[in-house]
Amino acid sequence: MTITEQPGQLTITQDEQLLASLHYLRLSATSWVLEQIFVRPSQPAAERAADLIKRFTELATAANVTVKVLDPYAKRYFMQHPAPDLLAAHQLPVSGAAAVQPVALHINHSEEE
């Protein structure tokens, strides 16, 4: 298994098959956003996600940035593994009324399209 780093993305591959990925944005020289983590359904999700978050944490710490976290799994990870020097002060909650909710797209198409 190999973790590959590209701008804005970390991936775990094995035998050229994508197993998991973590996507992030570099907003500025001092601020990043951990957007989302994907893990192939056949993989142990918690283990693969933790591997990516640990590597992301190393990169963000080395870059001396603060991080906002959008991904719900990553939020739960950081609740169990606090990183006060890394995480931005104001994070959206993981659960409850103020938490980020999925958006359903309802696109109406006309016959003319």
Protein backbone atom coordinates (compact mmCIF):
# COMPACT_ATOMS: atom_id res chain seq x y z
CA MET A 1 0.00 0.00 0.00
CA THR A 2 1.25 3.44 -0.96
CA ILE A 3 0.15 6.95 -0.01
CA THR A 4 0.63 9.31 -2.93
CA GLU A 5 0.63 13.08 -2.53
CA GLN A 6 -0.58 15.52 -5.17
CA PRO A 7 -1.58 19.16 -4.71
CA GLY A 8 -4.90 19.07 -2.85
CA GLN A 9 -5.11 15.30 -2.69
CA LEU A 10 -3.72 12.26 -0.90
CA THR A 11 -4.47 8.78 -2.22
CA ILE A 12 -3.88 5.25 -1.04
CA THR A 13 -3.28 2.72 -3.79
CA GLN A 14 -2.32 -0.93 -3.97
CA ASP A 15 -1.47 -2.73 -7.19
CA GLU A 16 -2.52 0.43 -9.07
CA GLN A 17 -6.02 0.27 -7.57
CA LEU A 18 -7.35 3.32 -5.73
CA LEU A 19 -8.34 2.34 -2.18
CA ALA A 20 -8.97 5.74 -0.57
CA SER A 21 -8.49 9.46 -1.11
CA LEU A 22 -8.49 12.68 0.91
CA HIS A 23 -9.19 16.01 -0.78
CA TYR A 24 -8.23 19.41 0.60
CA LEU A 25 -8.01 23.04 -0.49
CA ARG A 26 -5.14 25.40 0.15
CA LEU A 27 -7.01 28.64 0.76
CA SER A 28 -3.89 30.63 1.57
CA ALA A 29 -0.36 30.23 2.87
CA THR A 30 -1.81 29.84 6.37
CA SER A 31 -5.19 28.15 5.88
CA TRP A 32 -6.31 24.78 4.45
CA VAL A 33 -9.70 23.05 4.29
CA LEU A 34 -9.99 19.27 4.62
CA GLU A 35 -12.94 18.73 2.29
CA GLN A 36 -13.70 15.04 2.01
CA ILE A 37 -12.45 11.50 2.38
CA PHE A 38 -13.48 8.60 0.14
CA VAL A 39 -12.80 4.96 0.96
CA ARG A 40 -13.55 2.09 -1.41
CA PRO A 41 -16.39 0.02 0.12
CA SER A 42 -14.28 -3.16 0.17
CA GLN A 43 -11.69 -1.45 2.42
CA PRO A 44 -11.66 -0.97 6.22
CA ALA A 45 -12.95 2.61 6.21
CA ALA A 46 -11.73 3.70 9.64
CA GLU A 47 -8.21 2.40 9.05
CA ARG A 48 -7.75 3.87 5.57
CA ALA A 49 -9.26 7.23 6.55
CA ALA A 50 -7.03 7.39 9.65
CA ASP A 51 -3.94 6.70 7.52
CA LEU A 52 -4.84 9.61 5.24
CA ILE A 53 -5.71 11.97 8.10
CA LYS A 54 -2.43 11.20 9.87
CA ARG A 55 -0.43 12.01 6.72
CA PHE A 56 -2.52 15.13 6.07
CA THR A 57 -1.86 16.24 9.67
CA GLU A 58 1.89 15.82 9.13
CA LEU A 59 1.76 17.92 5.95
CA ALA A 60 -0.38 20.65 7.53
CA THR A 61 1.84 20.80 10.62
CA ALA A 62 4.97 21.06 8.48
CA ALA A 63 3.34 23.85 6.44
CA ASN A 64 2.39 25.65 9.69
CA VAL A 65 -1.24 26.15 8.63
CA THR A 66 -4.59 26.05 10.40
CA VAL A 67 -7.20 23.65 9.09
CA LYS A 68 -10.97 23.85 8.79
CA VAL A 69 -12.57 20.41 8.56
CA LEU A 70 -15.69 19.73 6.48
CA ASP A 71 -15.60 15.93 6.25
CA PRO A 72 -17.78 14.37 9.02
CA TYR A 73 -15.46 11.38 9.54
CA ALA A 74 -12.44 13.65 9.87
CA LYS A 75 -14.35 15.79 12.40
CA ARG A 76 -15.03 12.70 14.51
CA TYR A 77 -11.38 11.64 14.16
CA PHE A 78 -10.17 14.98 15.48
CA MET A 79 -12.66 14.82 18.36
CA GLN A 80 -10.92 11.58 19.43
CA HIS A 81 -7.41 12.82 18.50
CA PRO A 82 -7.35 16.55 19.38
CA ALA A 83 -4.98 18.78 17.42
CA PRO A 84 -5.53 22.25 18.93
CA ASP A 85 -2.47 23.77 17.23
CA LEU A 86 -3.68 22.56 13.84
CA LEU A 87 -7.43 23.10 13.77
CA ALA A 88 -8.98 26.51 13.20
CA ALA A 89 -10.94 27.82 16.19
CA HIS A 90 -14.42 27.78 14.65
CA GLN A 91 -15.45 24.45 13.14
CA LEU A 92 -18.92 23.41 11.97
CA PRO A 93 -20.46 20.79 14.28
CA VAL A 94 -20.61 17.11 13.24
CA SER A 95 -24.19 16.55 14.35
CA GLY A 96 -27.26 18.50 15.37
CA ALA A 97 -29.25 21.25 13.71
CA ALA A 98 -26.17 23.38 12.94
CA ALA A 99 -24.27 20.53 11.24
CA VAL A 100 -23.64 20.49 7.52
CA GLN A 101 -26.41 18.51 5.83
CA PRO A 102 -26.37 16.78 2.44
CA VAL A 103 -28.03 18.72 -0.35
CA ALA A 104 -30.50 17.03 -2.66
CA LEU A 105 -30.47 18.35 -6.20
CA HIS A 106 -33.86 18.63 -7.86
CA ILE A 107 -33.20 19.60 -11.43
CA ASN A 108 -36.18 20.08 -13.68
CA HIS A 109 -35.48 19.52 -17.35
CA SER A 110 -37.69 20.79 -20.12
CA GLU A 111 -38.38 19.01 -23.36
CA GLU A 112 -36.52 21.77 -25.21
CA GLU A 113 -33.18 20.82 -23.66
